[in-house]
Amino acid sequence: MSHAVALIQRMPDAFDPKAAPGLDATVQYRISQPVYARIANNQCTVHNGEAESPDVTLDISDDDLIALLAGQLNGTTAFMTGRLRIQGDLMLVQKLLGLFDKSAFRD
């Protein structure tokens, strides 16, 4: 398992349900090993593989995802410079980082 996947696996523990009332979304991460997060019923779950119909897909390198999750890479900068490619709900992407405790993604 890559380090990026291991960090995504931490999402359920870092998730703040109070920050996402009523949110129902699937986020696909296209990294070295595809993984997706499902947020529903005030919970976050992580699954290996490709989601059937994600609300948003993030195409990003493992290293850039690690930096993004740790708060060391600005998402807007990554997007504007082509390091992060997004398909789907841009508003959902803006909400995502606020749903998780960033300290959980720092080693």
N, C-alpha and C. Protein backbone atom coordinates (compact mmCIF):
# COMPACT_ATOMS: atom_id res chain seq x y z
N MET A 1 0.86 -1.18 0.00
CA MET A 1 0.00 0.00 0.00
C MET A 1 0.90 1.24 0.00
N SER A 2 0.59 2.18 -0.87
CA SER A 2 1.37 3.41 -0.95
C SER A 2 1.09 4.30 0.27
N HIS A 3 2.01 5.22 0.51
CA HIS A 3 1.83 6.15 1.64
C HIS A 3 0.58 7.01 1.44
N ALA A 4 0.31 7.41 0.20
CA ALA A 4 -0.89 8.22 -0.08
C ALA A 4 -2.16 7.45 0.27
N VAL A 5 -2.21 6.18 -0.10
CA VAL A 5 -3.38 5.35 0.22
C VAL A 5 -3.50 5.20 1.74
N ALA A 6 -2.38 5.00 2.41
CA ALA A 6 -2.40 4.87 3.87
C ALA A 6 -2.97 6.14 4.52
N LEU A 7 -2.63 7.31 3.97
CA LEU A 7 -3.19 8.54 4.52
C LEU A 7 -4.69 8.63 4.27
N ILE A 8 -5.13 8.25 3.09
CA ILE A 8 -6.57 8.27 2.81
C ILE A 8 -7.30 7.31 3.75
N GLN A 9 -6.66 6.21 4.09
CA GLN A 9 -7.28 5.25 5.02
C GLN A 9 -7.50 5.88 6.40
N ARG A 10 -6.80 6.97 6.71
CA ARG A 10 -6.98 7.66 8.00
C ARG A 10 -8.20 8.59 8.00
N MET A 11 -8.79 8.83 6.85
CA MET A 11 -9.89 9.79 6.76
C MET A 11 -11.05 9.51 7.71
N PRO A 12 -11.50 8.28 7.86
CA PRO A 12 -12.63 8.07 8.79
C PRO A 12 -12.34 8.54 10.20
N ASP A 13 -11.10 8.37 10.69
CA ASP A 13 -10.76 8.81 12.04
C ASP A 13 -10.60 10.32 12.13
N ALA A 14 -10.22 10.96 11.02
CA ALA A 14 -10.00 12.41 11.01
C ALA A 14 -11.27 13.19 10.66
N PHE A 15 -12.32 12.49 10.26
CA PHE A 15 -13.56 13.11 9.79
C PHE A 15 -14.30 13.80 10.93
N ASP A 16 -14.78 15.02 10.66
CA ASP A 16 -15.58 15.79 11.62
C ASP A 16 -17.03 15.83 11.12
N PRO A 17 -17.90 14.98 11.65
CA PRO A 17 -19.28 14.95 11.16
C PRO A 17 -20.03 16.26 11.35
N LYS A 18 -19.62 17.06 12.33
CA LYS A 18 -20.30 18.34 12.55
C LYS A 18 -20.03 19.32 11.41
N ALA A 19 -18.96 19.09 10.66
CA ALA A 19 -18.60 19.97 9.55
C ALA A 19 -19.34 19.59 8.26
N ALA A 20 -20.06 18.46 8.30
CA ALA A 20 -20.69 17.97 7.08
C ALA A 20 -22.12 17.51 7.30
N PRO A 21 -22.96 18.35 7.93
CA PRO A 21 -24.33 17.89 8.19
C PRO A 21 -25.08 17.63 6.88
N GLY A 22 -25.63 16.44 6.76
CA GLY A 22 -26.44 16.09 5.60
C GLY A 22 -25.66 15.84 4.31
N LEU A 23 -24.33 15.88 4.37
CA LEU A 23 -23.54 15.67 3.16
C LEU A 23 -23.61 14.21 2.73
N ASP A 24 -23.84 14.01 1.45
CA ASP A 24 -23.88 12.68 0.85
C ASP A 24 -23.06 12.76 -0.43
N ALA A 25 -21.83 12.24 -0.39
CA ALA A 25 -20.94 12.42 -1.53
C ALA A 25 -19.92 11.28 -1.63
N THR A 26 -19.46 11.07 -2.84
CA THR A 26 -18.40 10.10 -3.10
C THR A 26 -17.26 10.84 -3.81
N VAL A 27 -16.06 10.68 -3.27
CA VAL A 27 -14.87 11.33 -3.82
C VAL A 27 -13.90 10.27 -4.29
N GLN A 28 -13.60 10.29 -5.57
CA GLN A 28 -12.65 9.34 -6.15
C GLN A 28 -11.26 9.97 -6.17
N TYR A 29 -10.28 9.24 -5.67
CA TYR A 29 -8.89 9.69 -5.72
C TYR A 29 -8.17 8.82 -6.75
N ARG A 30 -7.72 9.45 -7.83
CA ARG A 30 -6.94 8.73 -8.84
C ARG A 30 -5.47 9.00 -8.55
N ILE A 31 -4.90 8.08 -7.79
CA ILE A 31 -3.50 8.15 -7.42
C ILE A 31 -2.87 6.83 -7.87
N SER A 32 -1.72 6.44 -7.35
CA SER A 32 -1.05 5.22 -7.82
C SER A 32 -1.93 3.98 -7.66
N GLN A 33 -2.77 3.99 -6.64
CA GLN A 33 -3.75 2.92 -6.41
C GLN A 33 -5.10 3.62 -6.20
N PRO A 34 -6.06 3.47 -7.12
CA PRO A 34 -7.33 4.18 -6.98
C PRO A 34 -8.05 3.83 -5.67
N VAL A 35 -8.56 4.87 -5.04
CA VAL A 35 -9.26 4.75 -3.76
C VAL A 35 -10.38 5.78 -3.77
N TYR A 36 -11.48 5.48 -3.08
CA TYR A 36 -12.52 6.50 -2.96
C TYR A 36 -13.04 6.58 -1.54
N ALA A 37 -13.51 7.78 -1.21
CA ALA A 37 -14.10 8.03 0.10
C ALA A 37 -15.59 8.27 -0.09
N ARG A 38 -16.37 7.70 0.78
CA ARG A 38 -17.83 7.85 0.77
C ARG A 38 -18.22 8.57 2.05
N ILE A 39 -18.90 9.70 1.91
CA ILE A 39 -19.37 10.47 3.06
C ILE A 39 -20.89 10.45 3.03
N ALA A 40 -21.48 9.86 4.05
CA ALA A 40 -22.94 9.75 4.15
C ALA A 40 -23.30 9.42 5.60
N ASN A 41 -24.46 9.85 6.01
CA ASN A 41 -24.97 9.55 7.35
C ASN A 41 -23.98 9.93 8.44
N ASN A 42 -23.33 11.11 8.27
CA ASN A 42 -22.37 11.62 9.25
C ASN A 42 -21.18 10.70 9.47
N GLN A 43 -20.83 9.92 8.45
CA GLN A 43 -19.68 9.03 8.54
C GLN A 43 -18.87 9.11 7.25
N CYS A 44 -17.60 8.76 7.37
CA CYS A 44 -16.72 8.67 6.20
C CYS A 44 -16.18 7.25 6.15
N THR A 45 -16.28 6.63 4.99
CA THR A 45 -15.70 5.30 4.78
C THR A 45 -14.79 5.38 3.57
N VAL A 46 -13.78 4.53 3.55
CA VAL A 46 -12.81 4.52 2.46
C VAL A 46 -12.80 3.13 1.83
N HIS A 47 -12.72 3.11 0.50
CA HIS A 47 -12.79 1.86 -0.24
C HIS A 47 -11.72 1.84 -1.33
N ASN A 48 -11.17 0.68 -1.60
CA ASN A 48 -10.21 0.52 -2.68
C ASN A 48 -10.93 0.44 -4.01
N GLY A 49 -10.27 0.91 -5.07
CA GLY A 49 -10.83 0.78 -6.41
C GLY A 49 -11.52 2.02 -6.91
N GLU A 50 -12.34 1.81 -7.92
CA GLU A 50 -13.06 2.90 -8.58
C GLU A 50 -14.53 2.91 -8.12
N ALA A 51 -15.01 4.08 -7.76
CA ALA A 51 -16.43 4.24 -7.40
C ALA A 51 -17.27 4.17 -8.67
N GLU A 52 -18.49 3.67 -8.54
CA GLU A 52 -19.37 3.54 -9.70
C GLU A 52 -19.72 4.88 -10.32
N SER A 53 -20.11 5.85 -9.50
CA SER A 53 -20.45 7.18 -10.03
C SER A 53 -20.08 8.24 -9.00
N PRO A 54 -18.78 8.59 -8.93
CA PRO A 54 -18.34 9.58 -7.94
C PRO A 54 -18.90 10.97 -8.23
N ASP A 55 -19.08 11.75 -7.18
CA ASP A 55 -19.52 13.14 -7.33
C ASP A 55 -18.37 14.00 -7.84
N VAL A 56 -17.16 13.63 -7.45
CA VAL A 56 -15.97 14.35 -7.91
C VAL A 56 -14.80 13.37 -7.97
N THR A 57 -13.93 13.59 -8.94
CA THR A 57 -12.73 12.79 -9.10
C THR A 57 -11.53 13.71 -9.05
N LEU A 58 -10.58 13.35 -8.20
CA LEU A 58 -9.33 14.11 -8.06
C LEU A 58 -8.20 13.27 -8.65
N ASP A 59 -7.55 13.80 -9.65
CA ASP A 59 -6.43 13.14 -10.30
C ASP A 59 -5.18 13.89 -9.87
N ILE A 60 -4.33 13.23 -9.07
CA ILE A 60 -3.20 13.90 -8.43
C ILE A 60 -2.11 12.87 -8.14
N SER A 61 -0.85 13.30 -8.13
CA SER A 61 0.22 12.38 -7.80
C SER A 61 0.17 12.04 -6.31
N ASP A 62 0.76 10.92 -5.95
CA ASP A 62 0.81 10.53 -4.54
C ASP A 62 1.47 11.62 -3.69
N ASP A 63 2.63 12.11 -4.14
CA ASP A 63 3.35 13.11 -3.35
C ASP A 63 2.54 14.39 -3.17
N ASP A 64 1.87 14.82 -4.23
CA ASP A 64 1.07 16.04 -4.12
C ASP A 64 -0.15 15.83 -3.22
N LEU A 65 -0.74 14.65 -3.26
CA LEU A 65 -1.88 14.37 -2.37
C LEU A 65 -1.43 14.38 -0.91
N ILE A 66 -0.28 13.80 -0.64
CA ILE A 66 0.26 13.80 0.72
C ILE A 66 0.44 15.23 1.21
N ALA A 67 1.04 16.08 0.37
CA ALA A 67 1.26 17.49 0.74
C ALA A 67 -0.06 18.23 0.90
N LEU A 68 -1.03 17.95 0.04
CA LEU A 68 -2.34 18.59 0.12
C LEU A 68 -3.05 18.23 1.42
N LEU A 69 -3.07 16.96 1.76
CA LEU A 69 -3.75 16.51 2.98
C LEU A 69 -3.10 17.08 4.24
N ALA A 70 -1.78 17.24 4.19
CA ALA A 70 -1.05 17.76 5.35
C ALA A 70 -1.12 19.27 5.45
N GLY A 71 -1.73 19.92 4.45
CA GLY A 71 -1.82 21.37 4.46
C GLY A 71 -0.56 22.05 3.97
N GLN A 72 0.34 21.30 3.33
CA GLN A 72 1.59 21.87 2.82
C GLN A 72 1.49 22.30 1.36
N LEU A 73 0.41 21.92 0.70
CA LEU A 73 0.17 22.31 -0.69
C LEU A 73 -1.22 22.94 -0.76
N ASN A 74 -1.30 24.12 -1.31
CA ASN A 74 -2.57 24.82 -1.46
C ASN A 74 -3.34 24.18 -2.62
N GLY A 75 -4.58 23.81 -2.38
CA GLY A 75 -5.40 23.16 -3.40
C GLY A 75 -5.62 24.01 -4.64
N THR A 76 -5.84 25.31 -4.45
CA THR A 76 -6.05 26.20 -5.58
C THR A 76 -4.79 26.29 -6.43
N THR A 77 -3.66 26.42 -5.77
CA THR A 77 -2.38 26.47 -6.49
C THR A 77 -2.16 25.17 -7.26
N ALA A 78 -2.42 24.04 -6.62
CA ALA A 78 -2.24 22.74 -7.27
C ALA A 78 -3.13 22.64 -8.51
N PHE A 79 -4.36 23.12 -8.39
CA PHE A 79 -5.30 23.07 -9.50
C PHE A 79 -4.86 24.00 -10.64
N MET A 80 -4.50 25.21 -10.29
CA MET A 80 -4.12 26.21 -11.30
C MET A 80 -2.83 25.85 -12.03
N THR A 81 -1.96 25.09 -11.39
CA THR A 81 -0.69 24.71 -12.01
C THR A 81 -0.76 23.33 -12.68
N GLY A 82 -1.93 22.71 -12.64
CA GLY A 82 -2.11 21.42 -13.30
C GLY A 82 -1.66 20.21 -12.49
N ARG A 83 -1.27 20.44 -11.26
CA ARG A 83 -0.85 19.30 -10.40
C ARG A 83 -2.05 18.54 -9.85
N LEU A 84 -3.20 19.19 -9.86
CA LEU A 84 -4.47 18.59 -9.43
C LEU A 84 -5.49 18.80 -10.54
N ARG A 85 -6.04 17.70 -11.02
CA ARG A 85 -7.09 17.78 -12.03
C ARG A 85 -8.39 17.30 -11.38
N ILE A 86 -9.45 18.06 -11.62
CA ILE A 86 -10.73 17.79 -10.98
C ILE A 86 -11.80 17.58 -12.03
N GLN A 87 -12.59 16.53 -11.83
CA GLN A 87 -13.77 16.30 -12.67
C GLN A 87 -14.96 16.19 -11.73
N GLY A 88 -15.98 16.99 -11.98
CA GLY A 88 -17.19 16.90 -11.16
C GLY A 88 -17.41 18.15 -10.34
N ASP A 89 -17.94 17.96 -9.14
CA ASP A 89 -18.43 19.02 -8.27
C ASP A 89 -17.30 19.83 -7.62
N LEU A 90 -16.99 20.98 -8.19
CA LEU A 90 -15.92 21.84 -7.66
C LEU A 90 -16.25 22.37 -6.27
N MET A 91 -17.52 22.63 -6.01
CA MET A 91 -17.92 23.13 -4.69
C MET A 91 -17.63 22.08 -3.61
N LEU A 92 -17.83 20.82 -3.94
CA LEU A 92 -17.54 19.74 -3.00
C LEU A 92 -16.05 19.72 -2.67
N VAL A 93 -15.22 19.91 -3.66
CA VAL A 93 -13.77 19.91 -3.44
C VAL A 93 -13.39 21.01 -2.46
N GLN A 94 -14.00 22.18 -2.59
CA GLN A 94 -13.70 23.29 -1.69
C GLN A 94 -14.07 22.95 -0.25
N LYS A 95 -15.08 22.15 -0.05
CA LYS A 95 -15.52 21.77 1.30
C LYS A 95 -14.64 20.68 1.91
N LEU A 96 -14.05 19.85 1.06
CA LEU A 96 -13.41 18.62 1.54
C LEU A 96 -12.38 18.82 2.65
N LEU A 97 -11.42 19.68 2.44
CA LEU A 97 -10.36 19.80 3.43
C LEU A 97 -10.88 20.29 4.78
N GLY A 98 -11.98 21.01 4.79
CA GLY A 98 -12.56 21.48 6.04
C GLY A 98 -13.29 20.39 6.82
N LEU A 99 -13.43 19.22 6.23
CA LEU A 99 -14.16 18.13 6.88
C LEU A 99 -13.25 17.22 7.70
N PHE A 100 -11.95 17.46 7.61
CA PHE A 100 -11.01 16.55 8.25
C PHE A 100 -9.98 17.32 9.08
N ASP A 101 -9.52 16.70 10.15
CA ASP A 101 -8.47 17.26 11.00
C ASP A 101 -7.14 17.03 10.28
N LYS A 102 -6.54 18.10 9.78
CA LYS A 102 -5.30 17.98 8.99
C LYS A 102 -4.17 17.34 9.78
N SER A 103 -4.16 17.49 11.10
CA SER A 103 -3.06 16.92 11.89
C SER A 103 -3.02 15.39 11.77
N ALA A 104 -4.14 14.76 11.42
CA ALA A 104 -4.17 13.30 11.26
C ALA A 104 -3.37 12.84 10.04
N PHE A 105 -3.05 13.76 9.14
CA PHE A 105 -2.36 13.39 7.91
C PHE A 105 -0.88 13.75 7.95
N ARG A 106 -0.40 14.25 9.07
CA ARG A 106 1.02 14.58 9.20
C ARG A 106 1.72 13.45 9.91
N ASP A 107 2.89 13.13 9.42
CA ASP A 107 3.67 12.05 10.06
C ASP A 107 4.67 12.58 11.05
